[in-house]
PDB file of all heavy atoms in Angstrom:
ATOM      1  N   ALA A   1     101.209 129.566 115.262  1.00  0.00           N
ATOM      2  CA  ALA A   1     100.936 128.981 116.583  1.00  0.00           C
ATOM      3  C   ALA A   1     102.140 128.234 117.143  1.00  0.00           C
ATOM      4  O   ALA A   1     102.095 127.729 118.254  1.00  0.00           O
ATOM      5  CB  ALA A   1      99.743 128.033 116.488  1.00  0.00           C
ATOM      6  N   GLY A   2     103.238 128.154 116.357  1.00  0.00           N
ATOM      7  CA  GLY A   2     104.438 127.465 116.809  1.00  0.00           C
ATOM      8  C   GLY A   2     104.479 125.990 116.453  1.00  0.00           C
ATOM      9  O   GLY A   2     105.403 125.281 116.841  1.00  0.00           O
ATOM     10  N   LYS A   3     103.487 125.509 115.714  1.00  0.00           N
ATOM     11  CA  LYS A   3     103.448 124.102 115.311  1.00  0.00           C
ATOM     12  C   LYS A   3     104.429 123.873 114.163  1.00  0.00           C
ATOM     13  O   LYS A   3     104.444 124.612 113.182  1.00  0.00           O
ATOM     14  CB  LYS A   3     102.035 123.731 114.870  1.00  0.00           C
ATOM     15  CG  LYS A   3     101.901 122.288 114.488  1.00  0.00           C
ATOM     16  CD  LYS A   3     100.479 121.945 114.074  1.00  0.00           C
ATOM     17  CE  LYS A   3     100.418 120.494 113.636  1.00  0.00           C
ATOM     18  NZ  LYS A   3      99.085 120.146 113.133  1.00  0.00           N
ATOM     19  N   ILE A   4     105.250 122.819 114.301  1.00  0.00           N
ATOM     20  CA  ILE A   4     106.239 122.467 113.282  1.00  0.00           C
ATOM     21  C   ILE A   4     105.753 121.235 112.536  1.00  0.00           C
ATOM     22  O   ILE A   4     105.339 120.251 113.150  1.00  0.00           O
ATOM     23  CB  ILE A   4     107.608 122.173 113.920  1.00  0.00           C
ATOM     24  CG1 ILE A   4     108.090 123.374 114.711  1.00  0.00           C
ATOM     25  CG2 ILE A   4     108.626 121.776 112.847  1.00  0.00           C
ATOM     26  CD1 ILE A   4     109.302 123.096 115.575  1.00  0.00           C
ATOM     27  N   ARG A   5     105.814 121.292 111.192  1.00  0.00           N
ATOM     28  CA  ARG A   5     105.448 120.115 110.410  1.00  0.00           C
ATOM     29  C   ARG A   5     106.311 120.044 109.157  1.00  0.00           C
ATOM     30  O   ARG A   5     106.817 121.054 108.670  1.00  0.00           O
ATOM     31  CB  ARG A   5     103.970 120.113 110.065  1.00  0.00           C
ATOM     32  CG  ARG A   5     103.486 121.281 109.307  1.00  0.00           C
ATOM     33  CD  ARG A   5     101.955 121.311 109.209  1.00  0.00           C
ATOM     34  NE  ARG A   5     101.510 122.591 108.725  1.00  0.00           N
ATOM     35  CZ  ARG A   5     101.391 122.926 107.450  1.00  0.00           C
ATOM     36  NH1 ARG A   5     101.637 122.048 106.512  1.00  0.00           N
ATOM     37  NH2 ARG A   5     101.000 124.139 107.103  1.00  0.00           N
ATOM     38  N   THR A   6     106.506 118.842 108.670  1.00  0.00           N
ATOM     39  CA  THR A   6     107.251 118.616 107.438  1.00  0.00           C
ATOM     40  C   THR A   6     106.303 118.831 106.269  1.00  0.00           C
ATOM     41  O   THR A   6     105.208 118.285 106.252  1.00  0.00           O
ATOM     42  CB  THR A   6     107.809 117.183 107.399  1.00  0.00           C
ATOM     43  OG1 THR A   6     108.636 116.994 108.548  1.00  0.00           O
ATOM     44  CG2 THR A   6     108.624 116.932 106.139  1.00  0.00           C
ATOM     45  N   VAL A   7     106.743 119.619 105.279  1.00  0.00           N
ATOM     46  CA  VAL A   7     105.888 119.899 104.123  1.00  0.00           C
ATOM     47  C   VAL A   7     106.480 119.392 102.806  1.00  0.00           C
ATOM     48  O   VAL A   7     105.765 119.291 101.815  1.00  0.00           O
ATOM     49  CB  VAL A   7     105.546 121.403 104.021  1.00  0.00           C
ATOM     50  CG1 VAL A   7     104.679 121.834 105.190  1.00  0.00           C
ATOM     51  CG2 VAL A   7     106.795 122.262 103.945  1.00  0.00           C
ATOM     52  N   ALA A   8     107.774 119.077 102.789  1.00  0.00           N
ATOM     53  CA  ALA A   8     108.399 118.544 101.573  1.00  0.00           C
ATOM     54  C   ALA A   8     109.601 117.698 101.945  1.00  0.00           C
ATOM     55  O   ALA A   8     110.304 117.984 102.912  1.00  0.00           O
ATOM     56  CB  ALA A   8     108.827 119.674 100.642  1.00  0.00           C
ATOM     57  N   GLY A   9     109.832 116.651 101.153  1.00  0.00           N
ATOM     58  CA  GLY A   9     110.967 115.773 101.385  1.00  0.00           C
ATOM     59  C   GLY A   9     110.773 114.910 102.616  1.00  0.00           C
ATOM     60  O   GLY A   9     109.651 114.654 103.045  1.00  0.00           O
ATOM     61  N   GLY A  10     111.898 114.455 103.172  1.00  0.00           N
ATOM     62  CA  GLY A  10     111.861 113.651 104.377  1.00  0.00           C
ATOM     63  C   GLY A  10     111.669 112.165 104.137  1.00  0.00           C
ATOM     64  O   GLY A  10     111.815 111.365 105.043  1.00  0.00           O
ATOM     65  N   ALA A  11     111.358 111.763 102.912  1.00  0.00           N
ATOM     66  CA  ALA A  11     111.088 110.351 102.632  1.00  0.00           C
ATOM     67  C   ALA A  11     112.302 109.690 101.981  1.00  0.00           C
ATOM     68  O   ALA A  11     113.064 108.995 102.629  1.00  0.00           O
ATOM     69  CB  ALA A  11     109.861 110.215 101.740  1.00  0.00           C
ATOM     70  N   SER A  12     112.506 109.945 100.729  1.00  0.00           N
ATOM     71  CA  SER A  12     113.572 109.323  99.950  1.00  0.00           C
ATOM     72  C   SER A  12     114.524 110.393  99.456  1.00  0.00           C
ATOM     73  O   SER A  12     114.149 111.541  99.279  1.00  0.00           O
ATOM     74  CB  SER A  12     112.953 108.594  98.744  1.00  0.00           C
ATOM     75  OG  SER A  12     113.942 108.224  97.831  1.00  0.00           O
ATOM     76  N   LYS A  13     115.778 110.017  99.212  1.00  0.00           N
ATOM     77  CA  LYS A  13     116.743 110.949  98.634  1.00  0.00           C
ATOM     78  C   LYS A  13     116.685 110.943  97.112  1.00  0.00           C
ATOM     79  O   LYS A  13     117.251 111.794  96.462  1.00  0.00           O
ATOM     80  CB  LYS A  13     118.165 110.582  99.079  1.00  0.00           C
ATOM     81  CG  LYS A  13     118.410 110.790 100.550  1.00  0.00           C
ATOM     82  CD  LYS A  13     119.837 110.438 100.892  1.00  0.00           C
ATOM     83  CE  LYS A  13     120.111 110.646 102.359  1.00  0.00           C
ATOM     84  NZ  LYS A  13     121.502 110.347 102.696  1.00  0.00           N
ATOM     85  N   THR A  14     116.004 109.973  96.549  1.00  0.00           N
ATOM     86  CA  THR A  14     115.925 109.840  95.102  1.00  0.00           C
ATOM     87  C   THR A  14     114.930 110.842  94.536  1.00  0.00           C
ATOM     88  O   THR A  14     113.801 110.917  95.016  1.00  0.00           O
ATOM     89  CB  THR A  14     115.483 108.413  94.717  1.00  0.00           C
ATOM     90  OG1 THR A  14     116.364 107.492  95.339  1.00  0.00           O
ATOM     91  CG2 THR A  14     115.506 108.219  93.220  1.00  0.00           C
ATOM     92  N   PRO A  15     115.323 111.615  93.529  1.00  0.00           N
ATOM     93  CA  PRO A  15     114.387 112.589  92.975  1.00  0.00           C
ATOM     94  C   PRO A  15     113.207 111.889  92.293  1.00  0.00           C
ATOM     95  O   PRO A  15     113.344 110.803  91.758  1.00  0.00           O
ATOM     96  CB  PRO A  15     115.227 113.354  91.953  1.00  0.00           C
ATOM     97  CG  PRO A  15     116.339 112.447  91.605  1.00  0.00           C
ATOM     98  CD  PRO A  15     116.598 111.607  92.823  1.00  0.00           C
ATOM     99  N   ALA A  16     112.059 112.525  92.365  1.00  0.00           N
ATOM    100  CA  ALA A  16     110.855 112.000  91.738  1.00  0.00           C
ATOM    101  C   ALA A  16     110.354 113.013  90.722  1.00  0.00           C
ATOM    102  O   ALA A  16     110.825 114.144  90.669  1.00  0.00           O
ATOM    103  CB  ALA A  16     109.794 111.734  92.807  1.00  0.00           C
ATOM    104  N   ALA A  17     109.382 112.619  89.927  1.00  0.00           N
ATOM    105  CA  ALA A  17     108.803 113.511  88.929  1.00  0.00           C
ATOM    106  C   ALA A  17     108.219 114.750  89.596  1.00  0.00           C
ATOM    107  O   ALA A  17     107.862 114.723  90.772  1.00  0.00           O
ATOM    108  CB  ALA A  17     107.719 112.772  88.159  1.00  0.00           C
ATOM    109  N   ALA A  18     108.115 115.824  88.853  1.00  0.00           N
ATOM    110  CA  ALA A  18     107.616 117.083  89.388  1.00  0.00           C
ATOM    111  C   ALA A  18     106.171 116.998  89.862  1.00  0.00           C
ATOM    112  O   ALA A  18     105.740 117.801  90.674  1.00  0.00           O
ATOM    113  CB  ALA A  18     107.745 118.172  88.330  1.00  0.00           C
ATOM    114  N   SER A  19     105.438 116.021  89.389  1.00  0.00           N
ATOM    115  CA  SER A  19     104.010 115.945  89.711  1.00  0.00           C
ATOM    116  C   SER A  19     103.691 115.183  90.995  1.00  0.00           C
ATOM    117  O   SER A  19     102.533 115.080  91.362  1.00  0.00           O
ATOM    118  CB  SER A  19     103.265 115.287  88.548  1.00  0.00           C
ATOM    119  OG  SER A  19     103.750 113.967  88.357  1.00  0.00           O
ATOM    120  N   VAL A  20     104.699 114.672  91.700  1.00  0.00           N
ATOM    121  CA  VAL A  20     104.434 113.907  92.926  1.00  0.00           C
ATOM    122  C   VAL A  20     104.132 114.850  94.088  1.00  0.00           C
ATOM    123  O   VAL A  20     104.548 116.006  94.077  1.00  0.00           O
ATOM    124  CB  VAL A  20     105.618 112.989  93.303  1.00  0.00           C
ATOM    125  CG1 VAL A  20     105.917 112.007  92.205  1.00  0.00           C
ATOM    126  CG2 VAL A  20     106.836 113.779  93.673  1.00  0.00           C
ATOM    127  N   PRO A  21     103.439 114.357  95.121  1.00  0.00           N
ATOM    128  CA  PRO A  21     103.218 115.192  96.315  1.00  0.00           C
ATOM    129  C   PRO A  21     104.552 115.605  96.940  1.00  0.00           C
ATOM    130  O   PRO A  21     105.540 114.866  96.864  1.00  0.00           O
ATOM    131  CB  PRO A  21     102.435 114.261  97.246  1.00  0.00           C
ATOM    132  CG  PRO A  21     101.781 113.271  96.338  1.00  0.00           C
ATOM    133  CD  PRO A  21     102.754 113.076  95.205  1.00  0.00           C
ATOM    134  N   ALA A  22     104.568 116.780  97.557  1.00  0.00           N
ATOM    135  CA  ALA A  22     105.809 117.331  98.103  1.00  0.00           C
ATOM    136  C   ALA A  22     106.506 116.406  99.085  1.00  0.00           C
ATOM    137  O   ALA A  22     107.738 116.349  99.128  1.00  0.00           O
ATOM    138  CB  ALA A  22     105.518 118.674  98.772  1.00  0.00           C
ATOM    139  N   LEU A  23     105.757 115.650  99.891  1.00  0.00           N
ATOM    140  CA  LEU A  23     106.386 114.760 100.869  1.00  0.00           C
ATOM    141  C   LEU A  23     107.066 113.565 100.212  1.00  0.00           C
ATOM    142  O   LEU A  23     107.809 112.837 100.862  1.00  0.00           O
ATOM    143  CB  LEU A  23     105.351 114.290 101.898  1.00  0.00           C
ATOM    144  CG  LEU A  23     104.880 115.384 102.848  1.00  0.00           C
ATOM    145  CD1 LEU A  23     103.750 114.888 103.735  1.00  0.00           C
ATOM    146  CD2 LEU A  23     106.027 115.911 103.693  1.00  0.00           C
ATOM    147  N   GLN A  24     106.842 113.350  98.921  1.00  0.00           N
ATOM    148  CA  GLN A  24     107.497 112.268  98.191  1.00  0.00           C
ATOM    149  C   GLN A  24     108.530 112.802  97.192  1.00  0.00           C
ATOM    150  O   GLN A  24     109.031 112.061  96.350  1.00  0.00           O
ATOM    151  CB  GLN A  24     106.451 111.439  97.444  1.00  0.00           C
ATOM    152  CG  GLN A  24     105.465 110.760  98.349  1.00  0.00           C
ATOM    153  CD  GLN A  24     104.335 110.104  97.577  1.00  0.00           C
ATOM    154  OE1 GLN A  24     104.415 109.909  96.368  1.00  0.00           O
ATOM    155  NE2 GLN A  24     103.274 109.758  98.266  1.00  0.00           N
ATOM    156  N   ALA A  25     108.856 114.072  97.297  1.00  0.00           N
ATOM    157  CA  ALA A  25     109.718 114.724  96.314  1.00  0.00           C
ATOM    158  C   ALA A  25     111.137 114.177  96.283  1.00  0.00           C
ATOM    159  O   ALA A  25     111.808 114.255  95.274  1.00  0.00           O
ATOM    160  CB  ALA A  25     109.753 116.227  96.563  1.00  0.00           C
ATOM    161  N   GLY A  26     111.640 113.635  97.372  1.00  0.00           N
ATOM    162  CA  GLY A  26     112.983 113.068  97.389  1.00  0.00           C
ATOM    163  C   GLY A  26     114.087 114.103  97.413  1.00  0.00           C
ATOM    164  O   GLY A  26     114.905 114.171  96.515  1.00  0.00           O
ATOM    165  N   LEU A  27     114.130 114.941  98.438  1.00  0.00           N
ATOM    166  CA  LEU A  27     115.215 115.905  98.587  1.00  0.00           C
ATOM    167  C   LEU A  27     116.478 115.177  99.044  1.00  0.00           C
ATOM    168  O   LEU A  27     116.410 114.229  99.816  1.00  0.00           O
ATOM    169  CB  LEU A  27     114.844 116.970  99.614  1.00  0.00           C
ATOM    170  CG  LEU A  27     113.600 117.807  99.322  1.00  0.00           C
ATOM    171  CD1 LEU A  27     113.353 118.772 100.477  1.00  0.00           C
ATOM    172  CD2 LEU A  27     113.736 118.556  98.019  1.00  0.00           C
ATOM    173  N   ASN A  28     117.639 115.648  98.560  1.00  0.00           N
ATOM    174  CA  ASN A  28     118.915 115.043  98.932  1.00  0.00           C
ATOM    175  C   ASN A  28     119.943 116.148  99.112  1.00  0.00           C
ATOM    176  O   ASN A  28     120.471 116.671  98.148  1.00  0.00           O
ATOM    177  CB  ASN A  28     119.368 114.044  97.873  1.00  0.00           C
ATOM    178  CG  ASN A  28     120.611 113.281  98.294  1.00  0.00           C
ATOM    179  OD1 ASN A  28     121.061 113.377  99.423  1.00  0.00           O
ATOM    180  ND2 ASN A  28     121.159 112.515  97.381  1.00  0.00           N
ATOM    181  N   GLY A  29     120.192 116.498 100.352  1.00  0.00           N
ATOM    182  CA  GLY A  29     121.168 117.549 100.652  1.00  0.00           C
ATOM    183  C   GLY A  29     120.697 118.939 100.259  1.00  0.00           C
ATOM    184  O   GLY A  29     121.461 119.701  99.675  1.00  0.00           O
ATOM    185  N   PRO A  30     119.462 119.305 100.582  1.00  0.00           N
ATOM    186  CA  PRO A  30     118.998 120.651 100.235  1.00  0.00           C
ATOM    187  C   PRO A  30     119.837 121.703 100.954  1.00  0.00           C
ATOM    188  O   PRO A  30     120.190 121.529 102.107  1.00  0.00           O
ATOM    189  CB  PRO A  30     117.550 120.658 100.713  1.00  0.00           C
ATOM    190  CG  PRO A  30     117.505 119.652 101.805  1.00  0.00           C
ATOM    191  CD  PRO A  30     118.482 118.584 101.405  1.00  0.00           C
ATOM    192  N   LYS A  31     120.171 122.787 100.224  1.00  0.00           N
ATOM    193  CA  LYS A  31     121.076 123.787 100.789  1.00  0.00           C
ATOM    194  C   LYS A  31     120.514 125.195 100.863  1.00  0.00           C
ATOM    195  O   LYS A  31     121.068 126.033 101.550  1.00  0.00           O
ATOM    196  CB  LYS A  31     122.361 123.845  99.951  1.00  0.00           C
ATOM    197  CG  LYS A  31     123.241 122.648 100.110  1.00  0.00           C
ATOM    198  CD  LYS A  31     124.550 122.865  99.390  1.00  0.00           C
ATOM    199  CE  LYS A  31     125.484 121.701  99.619  1.00  0.00           C
ATOM    200  NZ  LYS A  31     126.747 121.879  98.932  1.00  0.00           N
ATOM    201  N   PHE A  32     119.444 125.487 100.140  1.00  0.00           N
ATOM    202  CA  PHE A  32     118.968 126.867 100.074  1.00  0.00           C
ATOM    203  C   PHE A  32     117.461 126.883  99.923  1.00  0.00           C
ATOM    204  O   PHE A  32     116.906 126.053  99.207  1.00  0.00           O
ATOM    205  CB  PHE A  32     119.630 127.569  98.880  1.00  0.00           C
ATOM    206  CG  PHE A  32     119.280 129.019  98.748  1.00  0.00           C
ATOM    207  CD1 PHE A  32     119.884 129.972  99.549  1.00  0.00           C
ATOM    208  CD2 PHE A  32     118.359 129.441  97.814  1.00  0.00           C
ATOM    209  CE1 PHE A  32     119.562 131.314  99.420  1.00  0.00           C
ATOM    210  CE2 PHE A  32     118.031 130.780  97.681  1.00  0.00           C
ATOM    211  CZ  PHE A  32     118.639 131.720  98.483  1.00  0.00           C
ATOM    212  N   VAL A  33     116.816 127.824 100.578  1.00  0.00           N
ATOM    213  CA  VAL A  33     115.361 127.971 100.482  1.00  0.00           C
ATOM    214  C   VAL A  33     115.039 129.444 100.201  1.00  0.00           C
ATOM    215  O   VAL A  33     115.724 130.349 100.714  1.00  0.00           O
ATOM    216  CB  VAL A  33     114.662 127.465 101.765  1.00  0.00           C
ATOM    217  CG1 VAL A  33     115.028 128.272 102.968  1.00  0.00           C
ATOM    218  CG2 VAL A  33     113.166 127.412 101.592  1.00  0.00           C
ATOM    219  N   TRP A  34     114.033 129.664  99.352  1.00  0.00           N
ATOM    220  CA  TRP A  34     113.648 131.016  98.977  1.00  0.00           C
ATOM    221  C   TRP A  34     112.137 131.100  98.874  1.00  0.00           C
ATOM    222  O   TRP A  34     111.525 130.317  98.164  1.00  0.00           O
ATOM    223  CB  TRP A  34     114.280 131.373  97.635  1.00  0.00           C
ATOM    224  CG  TRP A  34     113.891 132.720  97.125  1.00  0.00           C
ATOM    225  CD1 TRP A  34     112.881 133.016  96.247  1.00  0.00           C
ATOM    226  CD2 TRP A  34     114.504 133.957  97.450  1.00  0.00           C
ATOM    227  NE1 TRP A  34     112.821 134.358  96.022  1.00  0.00           N
ATOM    228  CE2 TRP A  34     113.819 134.970  96.752  1.00  0.00           C
ATOM    229  CE3 TRP A  34     115.558 134.320  98.284  1.00  0.00           C
ATOM    230  CZ2 TRP A  34     114.158 136.311  96.853  1.00  0.00           C
ATOM    231  CZ3 TRP A  34     115.897 135.648  98.366  1.00  0.00           C
ATOM    232  CH2 TRP A  34     115.206 136.629  97.663  1.00  0.00           C
ATOM    233  N   ALA A  35     111.524 132.051  99.558  1.00  0.00           N
ATOM    234  CA  ALA A  35     110.067 132.241  99.486  1.00  0.00           C
ATOM    235  C   ALA A  35     109.752 133.251  98.385  1.00  0.00           C
ATOM    236  O   ALA A  35     110.311 134.354  98.360  1.00  0.00           O
ATOM    237  CB  ALA A  35     109.536 132.737 100.821  1.00  0.00           C
ATOM    238  N   GLU A  36     108.866 132.877  97.491  1.00  0.00           N
ATOM    239  CA  GLU A  36     108.456 133.737  96.384  1.00  0.00           C
ATOM    240  C   GLU A  36     107.277 134.615  96.811  1.00  0.00           C
ATOM    241  O   GLU A  36     106.570 134.300  97.776  1.00  0.00           O
ATOM    242  CB  GLU A  36     108.020 132.875  95.193  1.00  0.00           C
ATOM    243  CG  GLU A  36     109.173 132.129  94.532  1.00  0.00           C
ATOM    244  CD  GLU A  36     109.977 133.024  93.615  1.00  0.00           C
ATOM    245  OE1 GLU A  36     109.504 133.327  92.520  1.00  0.00           O
ATOM    246  OE2 GLU A  36     111.083 133.426  94.032  1.00  0.00           O
ATOM    247  N   LYS A  37     107.019 135.676  96.086  1.00  0.00           N
ATOM    248  CA  LYS A  37     105.906 136.584  96.389  1.00  0.00           C
ATOM    249  C   LYS A  37     104.555 135.885  96.287  1.00  0.00           C
ATOM    250  O   LYS A  37     103.607 136.267  96.961  1.00  0.00           O
ATOM    251  CB  LYS A  37     105.936 137.792  95.458  1.00  0.00           C
ATOM    252  CG  LYS A  37     107.075 138.733  95.731  1.00  0.00           C
ATOM    253  CD  LYS A  37     107.052 139.918  94.800  1.00  0.00           C
ATOM    254  CE  LYS A  37     108.238 140.829  95.069  1.00  0.00           C
ATOM    255  NZ  LYS A  37     108.235 141.999  94.184  1.00  0.00           N
ATOM    256  N   ASP A  38     104.457 134.854  95.437  1.00  0.00           N
ATOM    257  CA  ASP A  38     103.182 134.145  95.257  1.00  0.00           C
ATOM    258  C   ASP A  38     102.924 133.107  96.353  1.00  0.00           C
ATOM    259  O   ASP A  38     101.922 132.411  96.325  1.00  0.00           O
ATOM    260  CB  ASP A  38     103.104 133.488  93.879  1.00  0.00           C
ATOM    261  CG  ASP A  38     104.109 132.352  93.692  1.00  0.00           C
ATOM    262  OD1 ASP A  38     104.870 132.029  94.626  1.00  0.00           O
ATOM    263  OD2 ASP A  38     104.125 131.774  92.591  1.00  0.00           O
ATOM    264  N   GLY A  39     103.843 133.000  97.325  1.00  0.00           N
ATOM    265  CA  GLY A  39     103.677 132.061  98.430  1.00  0.00           C
ATOM    266  C   GLY A  39     104.368 130.728  98.230  1.00  0.00           C
ATOM    267  O   GLY A  39     104.488 129.936  99.158  1.00  0.00           O
ATOM    268  N   SER A  40     104.841 130.457  97.024  1.00  0.00           N
ATOM    269  CA  SER A  40     105.561 129.210  96.785  1.00  0.00           C
ATOM    270  C   SER A  40     106.976 129.319  97.351  1.00  0.00           C
ATOM    271  O   SER A  40     107.464 130.415  97.633  1.00  0.00           O
ATOM    272  CB  SER A  40     105.601 128.861  95.296  1.00  0.00           C
ATOM    273  OG  SER A  40     106.318 129.839  94.569  1.00  0.00           O
ATOM    274  N   VAL A  41     107.620 128.179  97.537  1.00  0.00           N
ATOM    275  CA  VAL A  41     108.953 128.134  98.130  1.00  0.00           C
ATOM    276  C   VAL A  41     109.875 127.349  97.203  1.00  0.00           C
ATOM    277  O   VAL A  41     109.558 126.229  96.796  1.00  0.00           O
ATOM    278  CB  VAL A  41     108.910 127.455  99.525  1.00  0.00           C
ATOM    279  CG1 VAL A  41     110.294 127.375 100.132  1.00  0.00           C
ATOM    280  CG2 VAL A  41     107.966 128.210 100.448  1.00  0.00           C
ATOM    281  N   LEU A  42     111.012 127.943  96.850  1.00  0.00           N
ATOM    282  CA  LEU A  42     112.015 127.265  96.022  1.00  0.00           C
ATOM    283  C   LEU A  42     113.045 126.609  96.927  1.00  0.00           C
ATOM    284  O   LEU A  42     113.462 127.193  97.930  1.00  0.00           O
ATOM    285  CB  LEU A  42     112.708 128.259  95.094  1.00  0.00           C
ATOM    286  CG  LEU A  42     111.812 128.993  94.109  1.00  0.00           C
ATOM    287  CD1 LEU A  42     112.628 129.998  93.319  1.00  0.00           C
ATOM    288  CD2 LEU A  42     111.123 128.017  93.184  1.00  0.00           C
ATOM    289  N   ILE A  43     113.456 125.398  96.547  1.00  0.00           N
ATOM    290  CA  ILE A  43     114.430 124.629  97.327  1.00  0.00           C
ATOM    291  C   ILE A  43     115.562 124.213  96.402  1.00  0.00           C
ATOM    292  O   ILE A  43     115.314 123.553  95.379  1.00  0.00           O
ATOM    293  CB  ILE A  43     113.778 123.364  97.915  1.00  0.00           C
ATOM    294  CG1 ILE A  43     112.551 123.725  98.750  1.00  0.00           C
ATOM    295  CG2 ILE A  43     114.795 122.566  98.730  1.00  0.00           C
ATOM    296  CD1 ILE A  43     111.634 122.549  99.001  1.00  0.00           C
ATOM    297  N   ALA A  44     116.790 124.585  96.737  1.00  0.00           N
ATOM    298  CA  ALA A  44     117.959 124.119  95.985  1.00  0.00           C
ATOM    299  C   ALA A  44     118.320 122.744  96.517  1.00  0.00           C
ATOM    300  O   ALA A  44     118.814 122.606  97.635  1.00  0.00           O
ATOM    301  CB  ALA A  44     119.119 125.089  96.141  1.00  0.00           C
TER     302      ALA A  44
END
């Protein structure tokens, strides 16, 4: 529908444990994104 929303990162640059919600993941300078066949998305 053209709606844009943040689904991961955007909060802190500090990495967090793998079990935290995606919006608290703490991305810092992400450079690459890859969509997997299962629908998940990898972020470098």
